[in-house]
Amino acid sequence: MGEWSFLTNHARALLLIARDPDARLRDLAGALDVTERTAYGIVADLSEGGYVVKEKDGRRNRYHIQRRTVGEVLDLLARAETRKGSRSRGL
């Protein structure tokens, strides 16, 4: 059976941005295993949907999650992932 994930790349990108707002598109693309162009499209979709705010900081962009829209979902997903990681380490 091939690899699959319950979470879409958009949801995974939200989690990555929540963990590291300083992540570059290159970082997101690598973590998602997609091209930088695809990562750009995902971030653009999330920005247009009001889930992420892009802030210019010199030559870099910083991304901020709009907590009022998806914060609770991200918190739930992060807690579930933390529990999963603890179980796999035998904690």
C-alpha atoms as a PDB file:
ATOM      1  CA  MET A   1       0.000   0.000   0.000  1.00  0.00           C
ATOM      2  CA  GLY A   2       1.313   3.463  -0.908  1.00  0.00           C
ATOM      3  CA  GLU A   3       1.917   6.272   1.554  1.00  0.00           C
ATOM      4  CA  TRP A   4      -0.941   8.589   2.383  1.00  0.00           C
ATOM      5  CA  SER A   5      -1.847  11.139   4.977  1.00  0.00           C
ATOM      6  CA  PHE A   6      -5.116  12.112   6.583  1.00  0.00           C
ATOM      7  CA  LEU A   7      -4.017  15.746   6.387  1.00  0.00           C
ATOM      8  CA  THR A   8      -3.845  17.687   3.145  1.00  0.00           C
ATOM      9  CA  ASN A   9      -0.738  19.627   2.212  1.00  0.00           C
ATOM     10  CA  HIS A  10      -2.630  22.784   3.166  1.00  0.00           C
ATOM     11  CA  ALA A  11      -3.252  21.459   6.686  1.00  0.00           C
ATOM     12  CA  ARG A  12       0.321  20.250   6.984  1.00  0.00           C
ATOM     13  CA  ALA A  13       1.550  23.690   5.860  1.00  0.00           C
ATOM     14  CA  LEU A  14      -0.560  25.331   8.574  1.00  0.00           C
ATOM     15  CA  LEU A  15       1.044  23.096  11.181  1.00  0.00           C
ATOM     16  CA  LEU A  16       4.530  23.870   9.871  1.00  0.00           C
ATOM     17  CA  ILE A  17       3.879  27.616   9.850  1.00  0.00           C
ATOM     18  CA  ALA A  18       2.415  27.459  13.361  1.00  0.00           C
ATOM     19  CA  ARG A  19       5.597  25.773  14.586  1.00  0.00           C
ATOM     20  CA  ASP A  20       7.991  28.024  12.664  1.00  0.00           C
ATOM     21  CA  PRO A  21       6.676  31.379  11.395  1.00  0.00           C
ATOM     22  CA  ASP A  22      10.180  32.126  10.074  1.00  0.00           C
ATOM     23  CA  ALA A  23      10.097  29.137   7.716  1.00  0.00           C
ATOM     24  CA  ARG A  24      10.901  30.032   4.134  1.00  0.00           C
ATOM     25  CA  LEU A  25       8.966  28.681   1.166  1.00  0.00           C
ATOM     26  CA  ARG A  26      11.990  26.485   0.507  1.00  0.00           C
ATOM     27  CA  ASP A  27      11.655  25.028   4.014  1.00  0.00           C
ATOM     28  CA  LEU A  28       7.928  24.431   3.595  1.00  0.00           C
ATOM     29  CA  ALA A  29       8.453  22.824   0.189  1.00  0.00           C
ATOM     30  CA  GLY A  30      11.074  20.465   1.601  1.00  0.00           C
ATOM     31  CA  ALA A  31       8.949  19.492   4.581  1.00  0.00           C
ATOM     32  CA  LEU A  32       5.889  18.917   2.389  1.00  0.00           C
ATOM     33  CA  ASP A  33       7.910  17.190  -0.353  1.00  0.00           C
ATOM     34  CA  VAL A  34       6.559  19.556  -3.016  1.00  0.00           C
ATOM     35  CA  THR A  35       8.142  22.148  -5.308  1.00  0.00           C
ATOM     36  CA  GLU A  36       8.661  25.727  -4.129  1.00  0.00           C
ATOM     37  CA  ARG A  37       6.082  26.814  -6.685  1.00  0.00           C
ATOM     38  CA  THR A  38       3.528  24.437  -5.153  1.00  0.00           C
ATOM     39  CA  ALA A  39       4.428  25.655  -1.638  1.00  0.00           C
ATOM     40  CA  TYR A  40       3.900  29.223  -2.854  1.00  0.00           C
ATOM     41  CA  GLY A  41       0.470  28.262  -4.179  1.00  0.00           C
ATOM     42  CA  ILE A  42      -0.468  26.621  -0.887  1.00  0.00           C
ATOM     43  CA  VAL A  43       0.578  29.679   1.129  1.00  0.00           C
ATOM     44  CA  ALA A  44      -1.262  31.935  -1.328  1.00  0.00           C
ATOM     45  CA  ASP A  45      -4.408  29.817  -0.920  1.00  0.00           C
ATOM     46  CA  LEU A  46      -4.105  29.977   2.863  1.00  0.00           C
ATOM     47  CA  SER A  47      -3.559  33.747   2.731  1.00  0.00           C
ATOM     48  CA  GLU A  48      -6.525  34.309   0.436  1.00  0.00           C
ATOM     49  CA  GLY A  49      -8.669  32.147   2.710  1.00  0.00           C
ATOM     50  CA  GLY A  50      -7.731  34.256   5.718  1.00  0.00           C
ATOM     51  CA  TYR A  51      -5.908  31.457   7.520  1.00  0.00           C
ATOM     52  CA  VAL A  52      -2.403  32.929   7.197  1.00  0.00           C
ATOM     53  CA  VAL A  53      -1.147  36.509   7.162  1.00  0.00           C
ATOM     54  CA  LYS A  54       2.040  37.228   5.260  1.00  0.00           C
ATOM     55  CA  GLU A  55       4.208  39.991   6.719  1.00  0.00           C
ATOM     56  CA  LYS A  56       7.215  41.435   4.903  1.00  0.00           C
ATOM     57  CA  ASP A  57      10.351  41.642   7.080  1.00  0.00           C
ATOM     58  CA  GLY A  58      13.142  43.127   5.004  1.00  0.00           C
ATOM     59  CA  ARG A  59      13.769  40.677   2.167  1.00  0.00           C
ATOM     60  CA  ARG A  60      11.968  37.826   3.931  1.00  0.00           C
ATOM     61  CA  ASN A  61       8.370  36.979   4.553  1.00  0.00           C
ATOM     62  CA  ARG A  62       7.041  35.873   7.887  1.00  0.00           C
ATOM     63  CA  TYR A  63       3.804  33.996   8.134  1.00  0.00           C
ATOM     64  CA  HIS A  64       1.348  34.224  10.991  1.00  0.00           C
ATOM     65  CA  ILE A  65      -1.570  31.937  11.633  1.00  0.00           C
ATOM     66  CA  GLN A  66      -4.903  33.646  12.125  1.00  0.00           C
ATOM     67  CA  ARG A  67      -5.660  31.942  15.425  1.00  0.00           C
ATOM     68  CA  ARG A  68      -9.251  33.078  15.440  1.00  0.00           C
ATOM     69  CA  THR A  69      -9.947  30.994  12.359  1.00  0.00           C
ATOM     70  CA  VAL A  70      -7.897  27.829  12.776  1.00  0.00           C
ATOM     71  CA  GLY A  71      -6.100  28.072  16.078  1.00  0.00           C
ATOM     72  CA  GLU A  72      -8.304  25.592  17.902  1.00  0.00           C
ATOM     73  CA  VAL A  73      -7.949  22.999  15.140  1.00  0.00           C
ATOM     74  CA  LEU A  74      -4.173  23.444  15.085  1.00  0.00           C
ATOM     75  CA  ASP A  75      -3.985  23.072  18.844  1.00  0.00           C
ATOM     76  CA  LEU A  76      -5.942  19.824  18.677  1.00  0.00           C
ATOM     77  CA  LEU A  77      -3.796  18.456  15.863  1.00  0.00           C
ATOM     78  CA  ALA A  78      -0.578  19.456  17.613  1.00  0.00           C
ATOM     79  CA  ARG A  79      -1.663  17.774  20.854  1.00  0.00           C
ATOM     80  CA  ALA A  80      -2.611  14.601  18.987  1.00  0.00           C
ATOM     81  CA  GLU A  81       0.746  14.584  17.204  1.00  0.00           C
ATOM     82  CA  THR A  82       2.607  15.142  20.491  1.00  0.00           C
ATOM     83  CA  ARG A  83       0.783  12.196  22.071  1.00  0.00           C
ATOM     84  CA  LYS A  84       1.572  10.047  19.032  1.00  0.00           C
ATOM     85  CA  GLY A  85       5.259  10.996  19.272  1.00  0.00           C
ATOM     86  CA  SER A  86       5.336  10.207  22.998  1.00  0.00           C
ATOM     87  CA  ARG A  87       3.866   6.759  22.438  1.00  0.00           C
ATOM     88  CA  SER A  88       6.342   5.935  19.693  1.00  0.00           C
ATOM     89  CA  ARG A  89       9.214   6.846  22.032  1.00  0.00           C
ATOM     90  CA  GLY A  90       7.766   4.678  24.786  1.00  0.00           C
ATOM     91  CA  LEU A  91       6.805   7.590  27.042  1.00  0.00           C
END
